[in-house]
Full PDB file with SEQRES, HELIX, SHEET, SSBOND, CRYST1, ORIGX, SCALE, CONECT and MASTER records, all heavy atoms in Angstrom:
SEQRES   1 A   40  GLU GLU SER TYR LEU ARG SER SER PRO LYS LEU VAL VAL          
SEQRES   2 A   40  ILE ASP ASN PHE LEU SER ALA ALA ALA LEU ALA SER LEU          
SEQRES   3 A   40  ARG GLU TYR CYS GLU GLU ALA THR VAL TRP LYS SER SER          
SEQRES   4 A   40  PHE                                                          
HELIX    1 AA1 GLU A    2  ARG A    6  1                                   5    
HELIX    2 AA2 ALA A   20  GLU A   32  1                                  13    
CRYST1    1.000    1.000    1.000  90.00  90.00  90.00 P 1           1          
ORIGX1      1.000000  0.000000  0.000000        0.00000                         
ORIGX2      0.000000  1.000000  0.000000        0.00000                         
ORIGX3      0.000000  0.000000  1.000000        0.00000                         
SCALE1      1.000000  0.000000  0.000000        0.00000                         
SCALE2      0.000000  1.000000  0.000000        0.00000                         
SCALE3      0.000000  0.000000  1.000000        0.00000                         
ATOM      1  N   GLU A   1      78.279  92.397 107.499  1.00  0.00           N  
ATOM      2  CA  GLU A   1      78.063  91.460 106.395  1.00  0.00           C  
ATOM      3  C   GLU A   1      77.058  92.013 105.400  1.00  0.00           C  
ATOM      4  O   GLU A   1      77.256  91.931 104.181  1.00  0.00           O  
ATOM      5  CB  GLU A   1      77.566  90.116 106.938  1.00  0.00           C  
ATOM      6  CG  GLU A   1      78.656  89.239 107.500  1.00  0.00           C  
ATOM      7  CD  GLU A   1      78.205  87.801 107.623  1.00  0.00           C  
ATOM      8  OE1 GLU A   1      77.174  87.564 108.270  1.00  0.00           O  
ATOM      9  OE2 GLU A   1      78.879  86.919 107.061  1.00  0.00           O  
ATOM     10  N   GLU A   2      75.958  92.563 105.916  1.00  0.00           N  
ATOM     11  CA  GLU A   2      74.927  93.108 105.036  1.00  0.00           C  
ATOM     12  C   GLU A   2      75.485  94.234 104.180  1.00  0.00           C  
ATOM     13  O   GLU A   2      75.222  94.309 102.971  1.00  0.00           O  
ATOM     14  CB  GLU A   2      73.753  93.615 105.873  1.00  0.00           C  
ATOM     15  CG  GLU A   2      72.487  93.873 105.083  1.00  0.00           C  
ATOM     16  CD  GLU A   2      71.914  92.625 104.447  1.00  0.00           C  
ATOM     17  OE1 GLU A   2      72.024  91.530 105.046  1.00  0.00           O  
ATOM     18  OE2 GLU A   2      71.370  92.740 103.331  1.00  0.00           O  
ATOM     19  N   SER A   3      76.288  95.107 104.804  1.00  0.00           N  
ATOM     20  CA  SER A   3      76.897  96.217 104.067  1.00  0.00           C  
ATOM     21  C   SER A   3      77.841  95.701 102.987  1.00  0.00           C  
ATOM     22  O   SER A   3      77.856  96.208 101.858  1.00  0.00           O  
ATOM     23  CB  SER A   3      77.639  97.123 105.044  1.00  0.00           C  
ATOM     24  OG  SER A   3      78.287  98.167 104.364  1.00  0.00           O  
ATOM     25  N   TYR A   4      78.631  94.697 103.338  1.00  0.00           N  
ATOM     26  CA  TYR A   4      79.578  94.130 102.375  1.00  0.00           C  
ATOM     27  C   TYR A   4      78.848  93.509 101.184  1.00  0.00           C  
ATOM     28  O   TYR A   4      79.201  93.743 100.030  1.00  0.00           O  
ATOM     29  CB  TYR A   4      80.449  93.085 103.061  1.00  0.00           C  
ATOM     30  CG  TYR A   4      81.490  92.454 102.149  1.00  0.00           C  
ATOM     31  CD1 TYR A   4      82.728  93.051 101.961  1.00  0.00           C  
ATOM     32  CD2 TYR A   4      81.225  91.261 101.469  1.00  0.00           C  
ATOM     33  CE1 TYR A   4      83.684  92.491 101.127  1.00  0.00           C  
ATOM     34  CE2 TYR A   4      82.163  90.692 100.629  1.00  0.00           C  
ATOM     35  CZ  TYR A   4      83.389  91.307 100.464  1.00  0.00           C  
ATOM     36  OH  TYR A   4      84.324  90.744  99.620  1.00  0.00           O  
ATOM     37  N   LEU A   5      77.819  92.731 101.460  1.00  0.00           N  
ATOM     38  CA  LEU A   5      77.106  92.017 100.399  1.00  0.00           C  
ATOM     39  C   LEU A   5      76.353  92.965  99.479  1.00  0.00           C  
ATOM     40  O   LEU A   5      76.136  92.659  98.303  1.00  0.00           O  
ATOM     41  CB  LEU A   5      76.155  90.993 101.013  1.00  0.00           C  
ATOM     42  CG  LEU A   5      76.835  89.832 101.748  1.00  0.00           C  
ATOM     43  CD1 LEU A   5      75.823  89.011 102.520  1.00  0.00           C  
ATOM     44  CD2 LEU A   5      77.615  88.959 100.775  1.00  0.00           C  
ATOM     45  N   ARG A   6      75.962  94.125  99.988  1.00  0.00           N  
ATOM     46  CA  ARG A   6      75.227  95.099  99.169  1.00  0.00           C  
ATOM     47  C   ARG A   6      76.155  96.046  98.423  1.00  0.00           C  
ATOM     48  O   ARG A   6      75.721  96.732  97.501  1.00  0.00           O  
ATOM     49  CB  ARG A   6      74.292  95.915 100.060  1.00  0.00           C  
ATOM     50  CG  ARG A   6      73.094  95.119 100.586  1.00  0.00           C  
ATOM     51  CD  ARG A   6      72.180  96.028 101.392  1.00  0.00           C  
ATOM     52  NE  ARG A   6      70.998  95.327 101.874  1.00  0.00           N  
ATOM     53  CZ  ARG A   6      70.021  95.900 102.580  1.00  0.00           C  
ATOM     54  NH1 ARG A   6      70.115  97.191 102.905  1.00  0.00           N  
ATOM     55  NH2 ARG A   6      68.982  95.195 102.973  1.00  0.00           N  
ATOM     56  N   SER A   7      77.415  96.106  98.826  1.00  0.00           N  
ATOM     57  CA  SER A   7      78.330  97.086  98.247  1.00  0.00           C  
ATOM     58  C   SER A   7      78.804  96.664  96.858  1.00  0.00           C  
ATOM     59  O   SER A   7      78.848  95.485  96.527  1.00  0.00           O  
ATOM     60  CB  SER A   7      79.548  97.278  99.158  1.00  0.00           C  
ATOM     61  OG  SER A   7      80.291  96.075  99.249  1.00  0.00           O  
ATOM     62  N   SER A   8      79.144  97.653  96.063  1.00  0.00           N  
ATOM     63  CA  SER A   8      79.720  97.412  94.743  1.00  0.00           C  
ATOM     64  C   SER A   8      80.718  98.528  94.461  1.00  0.00           C  
ATOM     65  O   SER A   8      80.316  99.685  94.285  1.00  0.00           O  
ATOM     66  CB  SER A   8      78.635  97.394  93.669  1.00  0.00           C  
ATOM     67  OG  SER A   8      79.200  97.121  92.405  1.00  0.00           O  
ATOM     68  N   PRO A   9      82.010  98.229  94.448  1.00  0.00           N  
ATOM     69  CA  PRO A   9      82.605  96.905  94.621  1.00  0.00           C  
ATOM     70  C   PRO A   9      82.478  96.418  96.064  1.00  0.00           C  
ATOM     71  O   PRO A   9      82.110  97.189  96.953  1.00  0.00           O  
ATOM     72  CB  PRO A   9      84.064  97.136  94.233  1.00  0.00           C  
ATOM     73  CG  PRO A   9      84.308  98.563  94.632  1.00  0.00           C  
ATOM     74  CD  PRO A   9      83.031  99.278  94.304  1.00  0.00           C  
ATOM     75  N   LYS A  10      82.808  95.155  96.281  1.00  0.00           N  
ATOM     76  CA  LYS A  10      82.684  94.544  97.589  1.00  0.00           C  
ATOM     77  C   LYS A  10      83.773  95.085  98.516  1.00  0.00           C  
ATOM     78  O   LYS A  10      84.939  94.719  98.401  1.00  0.00           O  
ATOM     79  CB  LYS A  10      82.789  93.018  97.472  1.00  0.00           C  
ATOM     80  CG  LYS A  10      81.596  92.394  96.767  1.00  0.00           C  
ATOM     81  CD  LYS A  10      80.395  92.372  97.695  1.00  0.00           C  
ATOM     82  CE  LYS A  10      79.202  91.664  97.080  1.00  0.00           C  
ATOM     83  NZ  LYS A  10      78.562  92.415  95.996  1.00  0.00           N  
ATOM     84  N   LEU A  11      83.356  95.952  99.456  1.00  0.00           N  
ATOM     85  CA  LEU A  11      84.331  96.604 100.331  1.00  0.00           C  
ATOM     86  C   LEU A  11      83.604  97.161 101.547  1.00  0.00           C  
ATOM     87  O   LEU A  11      82.528  97.751 101.425  1.00  0.00           O  
ATOM     88  CB  LEU A  11      85.030  97.731  99.578  1.00  0.00           C  
ATOM     89  CG  LEU A  11      86.167  98.501 100.236  1.00  0.00           C  
ATOM     90  CD1 LEU A  11      87.058  99.125  99.174  1.00  0.00           C  
ATOM     91  CD2 LEU A  11      85.656  99.606 101.159  1.00  0.00           C  
ATOM     92  N   VAL A  12      84.180  96.984 102.721  1.00  0.00           N  
ATOM     93  CA  VAL A  12      83.634  97.566 103.936  1.00  0.00           C  
ATOM     94  C   VAL A  12      84.788  97.878 104.887  1.00  0.00           C  
ATOM     95  O   VAL A  12      85.802  97.167 104.909  1.00  0.00           O  
ATOM     96  CB  VAL A  12      82.608  96.619 104.595  1.00  0.00           C  
ATOM     97  CG1 VAL A  12      83.285  95.363 105.131  1.00  0.00           C  
ATOM     98  CG2 VAL A  12      81.835  97.313 105.693  1.00  0.00           C  
ATOM     99  N   VAL A  13      84.648  98.962 105.661  1.00  0.00           N  
ATOM    100  CA  VAL A  13      85.661  99.372 106.630  1.00  0.00           C  
ATOM    101  C   VAL A  13      85.135  99.068 108.036  1.00  0.00           C  
ATOM    102  O   VAL A  13      83.986  99.386 108.357  1.00  0.00           O  
ATOM    103  CB  VAL A  13      85.986 100.873 106.502  1.00  0.00           C  
ATOM    104  CG1 VAL A  13      86.954 101.314 107.607  1.00  0.00           C  
ATOM    105  CG2 VAL A  13      86.572 101.163 105.124  1.00  0.00           C  
ATOM    106  N   ILE A  14      85.984  98.433 108.855  1.00  0.00           N  
ATOM    107  CA  ILE A  14      85.620  98.077 110.227  1.00  0.00           C  
ATOM    108  C   ILE A  14      86.601  98.758 111.171  1.00  0.00           C  
ATOM    109  O   ILE A  14      87.790  98.419 111.191  1.00  0.00           O  
ATOM    110  CB  ILE A  14      85.675  96.547 110.445  1.00  0.00           C  
ATOM    111  CG1 ILE A  14      84.858  95.802 109.385  1.00  0.00           C  
ATOM    112  CG2 ILE A  14      85.192  96.199 111.842  1.00  0.00           C  
ATOM    113  CD1 ILE A  14      85.079  94.293 109.400  1.00  0.00           C  
ATOM    114  N   ASP A  15      86.135  99.707 111.947  1.00  0.00           N  
ATOM    115  CA  ASP A  15      86.993 100.347 112.947  1.00  0.00           C  
ATOM    116  C   ASP A  15      86.897  99.606 114.278  1.00  0.00           C  
ATOM    117  O   ASP A  15      85.967  98.829 114.514  1.00  0.00           O  
ATOM    118  CB  ASP A  15      86.605 101.812 113.111  1.00  0.00           C  
ATOM    119  CG  ASP A  15      87.127 102.669 111.955  1.00  0.00           C  
ATOM    120  OD1 ASP A  15      88.248 102.398 111.479  1.00  0.00           O  
ATOM    121  OD2 ASP A  15      86.413 103.595 111.510  1.00  0.00           O  
ATOM    122  N   ASN A  16      87.885  99.843 115.162  1.00  0.00           N  
ATOM    123  CA  ASN A  16      87.978  99.102 116.425  1.00  0.00           C  
ATOM    124  C   ASN A  16      87.910  97.603 116.150  1.00  0.00           C  
ATOM    125  O   ASN A  16      87.178  96.864 116.817  1.00  0.00           O  
ATOM    126  CB  ASN A  16      86.858  99.528 117.383  1.00  0.00           C  
ATOM    127  CG  ASN A  16      86.895 101.015 117.677  1.00  0.00           C  
ATOM    128  OD1 ASN A  16      87.950 101.549 118.026  1.00  0.00           O  
ATOM    129  ND2 ASN A  16      85.764 101.684 117.507  1.00  0.00           N  
ATOM    130  N   PHE A  17      88.707  97.181 115.186  1.00  0.00           N  
ATOM    131  CA  PHE A  17      88.619  95.811 114.669  1.00  0.00           C  
ATOM    132  C   PHE A  17      88.998  94.769 115.716  1.00  0.00           C  
ATOM    133  O   PHE A  17      88.284  93.780 115.910  1.00  0.00           O  
ATOM    134  CB  PHE A  17      89.519  95.691 113.444  1.00  0.00           C  
ATOM    135  CG  PHE A  17      89.580  94.314 112.844  1.00  0.00           C  
ATOM    136  CD1 PHE A  17      88.439  93.655 112.423  1.00  0.00           C  
ATOM    137  CD2 PHE A  17      90.800  93.667 112.701  1.00  0.00           C  
ATOM    138  CE1 PHE A  17      88.502  92.380 111.872  1.00  0.00           C  
ATOM    139  CE2 PHE A  17      90.879  92.400 112.149  1.00  0.00           C  
ATOM    140  CZ  PHE A  17      89.731  91.752 111.737  1.00  0.00           C  
ATOM    141  N   LEU A  18      90.113  94.972 116.401  1.00  0.00           N  
ATOM    142  CA  LEU A  18      90.578  94.011 117.393  1.00  0.00           C  
ATOM    143  C   LEU A  18      90.244  94.474 118.799  1.00  0.00           C  
ATOM    144  O   LEU A  18      90.113  95.677 119.057  1.00  0.00           O  
ATOM    145  CB  LEU A  18      92.099  93.824 117.281  1.00  0.00           C  
ATOM    146  CG  LEU A  18      92.659  93.361 115.944  1.00  0.00           C  
ATOM    147  CD1 LEU A  18      94.177  93.267 116.025  1.00  0.00           C  
ATOM    148  CD2 LEU A  18      92.061  92.024 115.521  1.00  0.00           C  
ATOM    149  N   SER A  19      90.141  93.516 119.701  1.00  0.00           N  
ATOM    150  CA  SER A  19      90.035  93.873 121.114  1.00  0.00           C  
ATOM    151  C   SER A  19      91.344  94.529 121.546  1.00  0.00           C  
ATOM    152  O   SER A  19      92.390  94.357 120.902  1.00  0.00           O  
ATOM    153  CB  SER A  19      89.759  92.631 121.959  1.00  0.00           C  
ATOM    154  OG  SER A  19      90.904  91.776 121.954  1.00  0.00           O  
ATOM    155  N   ALA A  20      91.286  95.288 122.639  1.00  0.00           N  
ATOM    156  CA  ALA A  20      92.492  95.981 123.115  1.00  0.00           C  
ATOM    157  C   ALA A  20      93.610  94.991 123.420  1.00  0.00           C  
ATOM    158  O   ALA A  20      94.780  95.234 123.092  1.00  0.00           O  
ATOM    159  CB  ALA A  20      92.153  96.805 124.356  1.00  0.00           C  
ATOM    160  N   ALA A  21      93.254  93.847 124.002  1.00  0.00           N  
ATOM    161  CA  ALA A  21      94.277  92.852 124.349  1.00  0.00           C  
ATOM    162  C   ALA A  21      94.898  92.242 123.101  1.00  0.00           C  
ATOM    163  O   ALA A  21      96.117  92.032 123.034  1.00  0.00           O  
ATOM    164  CB  ALA A  21      93.653  91.760 125.224  1.00  0.00           C  
ATOM    165  N   ALA A  22      94.070  91.937 122.099  1.00  0.00           N  
ATOM    166  CA  ALA A  22      94.587  91.343 120.864  1.00  0.00           C  
ATOM    167  C   ALA A  22      95.477  92.322 120.115  1.00  0.00           C  
ATOM    168  O   ALA A  22      96.537  91.944 119.587  1.00  0.00           O  
ATOM    169  CB  ALA A  22      93.428  90.901 119.978  1.00  0.00           C  
ATOM    170  N   LEU A  23      95.073  93.585 120.057  1.00  0.00           N  
ATOM    171  CA  LEU A  23      95.879  94.603 119.379  1.00  0.00           C  
ATOM    172  C   LEU A  23      97.237  94.738 120.048  1.00  0.00           C  
ATOM    173  O   LEU A  23      98.277  94.763 119.368  1.00  0.00           O  
ATOM    174  CB  LEU A  23      95.142  95.942 119.405  1.00  0.00           C  
ATOM    175  CG  LEU A  23      95.887  97.138 118.804  1.00  0.00           C  
ATOM    176  CD1 LEU A  23      96.175  96.918 117.327  1.00  0.00           C  
ATOM    177  CD2 LEU A  23      95.082  98.431 119.020  1.00  0.00           C  
ATOM    178  N   ALA A  24      97.265  94.792 121.365  1.00  0.00           N  
ATOM    179  CA  ALA A  24      98.532  94.940 122.090  1.00  0.00           C  
ATOM    180  C   ALA A  24      99.421  93.721 121.883  1.00  0.00           C  
ATOM    181  O   ALA A  24     100.641  93.855 121.679  1.00  0.00           O  
ATOM    182  CB  ALA A  24      98.257  95.152 123.584  1.00  0.00           C  
ATOM    183  N   SER A  25      98.837  92.527 121.919  1.00  0.00           N  
ATOM    184  CA  SER A  25      99.621  91.303 121.760  1.00  0.00           C  
ATOM    185  C   SER A  25     100.216  91.201 120.367  1.00  0.00           C  
ATOM    186  O   SER A  25     101.401  90.872 120.195  1.00  0.00           O  
ATOM    187  CB  SER A  25      98.729  90.087 122.048  1.00  0.00           C  
ATOM    188  OG  SER A  25      99.451  88.883 121.882  1.00  0.00           O  
ATOM    189  N   LEU A  26      99.407  91.497 119.348  1.00  0.00           N  
ATOM    190  CA  LEU A  26      99.891  91.391 117.975  1.00  0.00           C  
ATOM    191  C   LEU A  26     100.939  92.455 117.676  1.00  0.00           C  
ATOM    192  O   LEU A  26     101.949  92.187 117.013  1.00  0.00           O  
ATOM    193  CB  LEU A  26      98.716  91.505 117.002  1.00  0.00           C  
ATOM    194  CG  LEU A  26      99.024  91.285 115.528  1.00  0.00           C  
ATOM    195  CD1 LEU A  26      99.654  89.910 115.288  1.00  0.00           C  
ATOM    196  CD2 LEU A  26      97.764  91.442 114.675  1.00  0.00           C  
ATOM    197  N   ARG A  27     100.718  93.665 118.180  1.00  0.00           N  
ATOM    198  CA  ARG A  27     101.693  94.736 117.951  1.00  0.00           C  
ATOM    199  C   ARG A  27     103.037  94.386 118.592  1.00  0.00           C  
ATOM    200  O   ARG A  27     104.100  94.581 117.984  1.00  0.00           O  
ATOM    201  CB  ARG A  27     101.162  96.054 118.510  1.00  0.00           C  
ATOM    202  CG  ARG A  27     102.121  97.235 118.288  1.00  0.00           C  
ATOM    203  CD  ARG A  27     101.601  98.459 118.990  1.00  0.00           C  
ATOM    204  NE  ARG A  27     100.390  98.965 118.382  1.00  0.00           N  
ATOM    205  CZ  ARG A  27      99.524  99.764 118.994  1.00  0.00           C  
ATOM    206  NH1 ARG A  27      99.726 100.135 120.257  1.00  0.00           N  
ATOM    207  NH2 ARG A  27      98.456 100.211 118.361  1.00  0.00           N  
ATOM    208  N   GLU A  28     103.001  93.853 119.808  1.00  0.00           N  
ATOM    209  CA  GLU A  28     104.253  93.494 120.481  1.00  0.00           C  
ATOM    210  C   GLU A  28     104.995  92.419 119.711  1.00  0.00           C  
ATOM    211  O   GLU A  28     106.221  92.481 119.563  1.00  0.00           O  
ATOM    212  CB  GLU A  28     103.951  93.014 121.904  1.00  0.00           C  
ATOM    213  CG  GLU A  28     105.198  92.671 122.702  1.00  0.00           C  
ATOM    214  CD  GLU A  28     104.882  92.308 124.142  1.00  0.00           C  
ATOM    215  OE1 GLU A  28     104.211  93.107 124.815  1.00  0.00           O  
ATOM    216  OE2 GLU A  28     105.302  91.227 124.592  1.00  0.00           O  
ATOM    217  N   TYR A  29     104.262  91.428 119.200  1.00  0.00           N  
ATOM    218  CA  TYR A  29     104.919  90.374 118.418  1.00  0.00           C  
ATOM    219  C   TYR A  29     105.561  90.960 117.163  1.00  0.00           C  
ATOM    220  O   TYR A  29     106.711  90.636 116.825  1.00  0.00           O  
ATOM    221  CB  TYR A  29     103.903  89.297 118.034  1.00  0.00           C  
ATOM    222  CG  TYR A  29     104.532  88.094 117.356  1.00  0.00           C  
ATOM    223  CD1 TYR A  29     105.002  87.020 118.104  1.00  0.00           C  
ATOM    224  CD2 TYR A  29     104.676  88.036 115.970  1.00  0.00           C  
ATOM    225  CE1 TYR A  29     105.597  85.928 117.503  1.00  0.00           C  
ATOM    226  CE2 TYR A  29     105.271  86.950 115.353  1.00  0.00           C  
ATOM    227  CZ  TYR A  29     105.724  85.892 116.121  1.00  0.00           C  
ATOM    228  OH  TYR A  29     106.317  84.823 115.511  1.00  0.00           O  
ATOM    229  N   CYS A  30     104.839  91.824 116.462  1.00  0.00           N  
ATOM    230  CA  CYS A  30     105.377  92.397 115.223  1.00  0.00           C  
ATOM    231  C   CYS A  30     106.568  93.296 115.483  1.00  0.00           C  
ATOM    232  O   CYS A  30     107.495  93.365 114.675  1.00  0.00           O  
ATOM    233  CB  CYS A  30     104.282  93.172 114.490  1.00  0.00           C  
ATOM    234  SG  CYS A  30     103.022  92.122 113.733  1.00  0.00           S  
ATOM    235  N   GLU A  31     106.579  93.970 116.613  1.00  0.00           N  
ATOM    236  CA  GLU A  31     107.718  94.819 116.961  1.00  0.00           C  
ATOM    237  C   GLU A  31     108.939  93.990 117.335  1.00  0.00           C  
ATOM    238  O   GLU A  31     110.065  94.357 116.989  1.00  0.00           O  
ATOM    239  CB  GLU A  31     107.341  95.741 118.129  1.00  0.00           C  
ATOM    240  CG  GLU A  31     106.396  96.864 117.769  1.00  0.00           C  
ATOM    241  CD  GLU A  31     105.983  97.693 118.976  1.00  0.00           C  
ATOM    242  OE1 GLU A  31     106.272  97.277 120.123  1.00  0.00           O  
ATOM    243  OE2 GLU A  31     105.363  98.757 118.774  1.00  0.00           O  
ATOM    244  N   GLU A  32     108.742  92.870 118.021  1.00  0.00           N  
ATOM    245  CA  GLU A  32     109.857  92.176 118.647  1.00  0.00           C  
ATOM    246  C   GLU A  32     110.335  90.924 117.914  1.00  0.00           C  
ATOM    247  O   GLU A  32     111.538  90.630 117.937  1.00  0.00           O  
ATOM    248  CB  GLU A  32     109.470  91.803 120.082  1.00  0.00           C  
ATOM    249  CG  GLU A  32     109.253  93.023 120.969  1.00  0.00           C  
ATOM    250  CD  GLU A  32     108.894  92.662 122.409  1.00  0.00           C  
ATOM    251  OE1 GLU A  32     108.710  91.448 122.691  1.00  0.00           O  
ATOM    252  OE2 GLU A  32     108.814  93.576 123.245  1.00  0.00           O  
ATOM    253  N   ALA A  33     109.460  90.147 117.315  1.00  0.00           N  
ATOM    254  CA  ALA A  33     109.870  88.881 116.694  1.00  0.00           C  
ATOM    255  C   ALA A  33     110.738  89.147 115.464  1.00  0.00           C  
ATOM    256  O   ALA A  33     110.346  89.892 114.564  1.00  0.00           O  
ATOM    257  CB  ALA A  33     108.646  88.061 116.311  1.00  0.00           C  
ATOM    258  N   THR A  34     111.907  88.540 115.426  1.00  0.00           N  
ATOM    259  CA  THR A  34     112.855  88.790 114.328  1.00  0.00           C  
ATOM    260  C   THR A  34     112.593  87.820 113.171  1.00  0.00           C  
ATOM    261  O   THR A  34     113.445  87.024 112.789  1.00  0.00           O  
ATOM    262  CB  THR A  34     114.302  88.665 114.827  1.00  0.00           C  
ATOM    263  OG1 THR A  34     114.480  87.361 115.405  1.00  0.00           O  
ATOM    264  CG2 THR A  34     114.616  89.715 115.873  1.00  0.00           C  
ATOM    265  N   VAL A  35     111.383  87.929 112.631  1.00  0.00           N  
ATOM    266  CA  VAL A  35     110.949  87.023 111.563  1.00  0.00           C  
ATOM    267  C   VAL A  35     110.749  87.751 110.238  1.00  0.00           C  
ATOM    268  O   VAL A  35     110.218  87.179 109.280  1.00  0.00           O  
ATOM    269  CB  VAL A  35     109.644  86.296 111.970  1.00  0.00           C  
ATOM    270  CG1 VAL A  35     109.889  85.402 113.173  1.00  0.00           C  
ATOM    271  CG2 VAL A  35     108.517  87.299 112.255  1.00  0.00           C  
ATOM    272  N   TRP A  36     111.202  88.990 110.151  1.00  0.00           N  
ATOM    273  CA  TRP A  36     110.987  89.819 108.968  1.00  0.00           C  
ATOM    274  C   TRP A  36     112.133  89.588 107.979  1.00  0.00           C  
ATOM    275  O   TRP A  36     113.037  90.406 107.841  1.00  0.00           O  
ATOM    276  CB  TRP A  36     110.885  91.283 109.377  1.00  0.00           C  
ATOM    277  CG  TRP A  36     109.816  91.508 110.388  1.00  0.00           C  
ATOM    278  CD1 TRP A  36     109.916  91.354 111.741  1.00  0.00           C  
ATOM    279  CD2 TRP A  36     108.462  91.902 110.130  1.00  0.00           C  
ATOM    280  NE1 TRP A  36     108.712  91.623 112.340  1.00  0.00           N  
ATOM    281  CE2 TRP A  36     107.803  91.964 111.390  1.00  0.00           C  
ATOM    282  CE3 TRP A  36     107.751  92.224 108.969  1.00  0.00           C  
ATOM    283  CZ2 TRP A  36     106.467  92.325 111.513  1.00  0.00           C  
ATOM    284  CZ3 TRP A  36     106.422  92.592 109.089  1.00  0.00           C  
ATOM    285  CH2 TRP A  36     105.785  92.632 110.328  1.00  0.00           C  
ATOM    286  N   LYS A  37     112.080  88.488 107.267  1.00  0.00           N  
ATOM    287  CA  LYS A  37     113.204  88.064 106.437  1.00  0.00           C  
ATOM    288  C   LYS A  37     113.029  88.371 104.944  1.00  0.00           C  
ATOM    289  O   LYS A  37     113.943  88.118 104.156  1.00  0.00           O  
ATOM    290  CB  LYS A  37     113.448  86.566 106.622  1.00  0.00           C  
ATOM    291  CG  LYS A  37     113.792  86.169 108.062  1.00  0.00           C  
ATOM    292  CD  LYS A  37     114.959  86.958 108.616  1.00  0.00           C  
ATOM    293  CE  LYS A  37     115.295  86.580 110.042  1.00  0.00           C  
ATOM    294  NZ  LYS A  37     116.336  87.442 110.627  1.00  0.00           N  
ATOM    295  N   SER A  38     111.882  88.884 104.555  1.00  0.00           N  
ATOM    296  CA  SER A  38     111.684  89.260 103.144  1.00  0.00           C  
ATOM    297  C   SER A  38     111.771  90.771 103.031  1.00  0.00           C  
ATOM    298  O   SER A  38     111.125  91.498 103.792  1.00  0.00           O  
ATOM    299  CB  SER A  38     110.309  88.787 102.648  1.00  0.00           C  
ATOM    300  OG  SER A  38     110.220  87.384 102.680  1.00  0.00           O  
ATOM    301  N   SER A  39     112.581  91.248 102.092  1.00  0.00           N  
ATOM    302  CA  SER A  39     112.667  92.686 101.853  1.00  0.00           C  
ATOM    303  C   SER A  39     112.334  92.970 100.390  1.00  0.00           C  
ATOM    304  O   SER A  39     112.578  92.146  99.507  1.00  0.00           O  
ATOM    305  CB  SER A  39     114.068  93.211 102.197  1.00  0.00           C  
ATOM    306  OG  SER A  39     115.075  92.476 101.538  1.00  0.00           O  
ATOM    307  N   PHE A  40     111.777  94.162 100.137  1.00  0.00           N  
ATOM    308  CA  PHE A  40     111.233  94.482  98.826  1.00  0.00           C  
ATOM    309  C   PHE A  40     111.788  95.808  98.316  1.00  0.00           C  
ATOM    310  O   PHE A  40     112.336  96.607  99.076  1.00  0.00           O  
ATOM    311  CB  PHE A  40     109.705  94.520  98.899  1.00  0.00           C  
ATOM    312  CG  PHE A  40     109.097  93.210  99.333  1.00  0.00           C  
ATOM    313  CD1 PHE A  40     108.942  92.918 100.680  1.00  0.00           C  
ATOM    314  CD2 PHE A  40     108.721  92.261  98.400  1.00  0.00           C  
ATOM    315  CE1 PHE A  40     108.400  91.699 101.090  1.00  0.00           C  
ATOM    316  CE2 PHE A  40     108.181  91.044  98.802  1.00  0.00           C  
ATOM    317  CZ  PHE A  40     108.028  90.763 100.145  1.00  0.00           C  
TER     318      PHE A  40                                                      
MASTER        0    0    0    2    0    0    0    6  317    1    0    4          
END                                                                             
């Protein structure tokens, strides 16, 4: 937060953002759920 508030422009990079369990769960959903109905 401190880094973000001091930055100009407002930007910060966060590595290891998700827990291992959350990353695996979200990746599996994105790979498998057939909800990708918008194409560009």
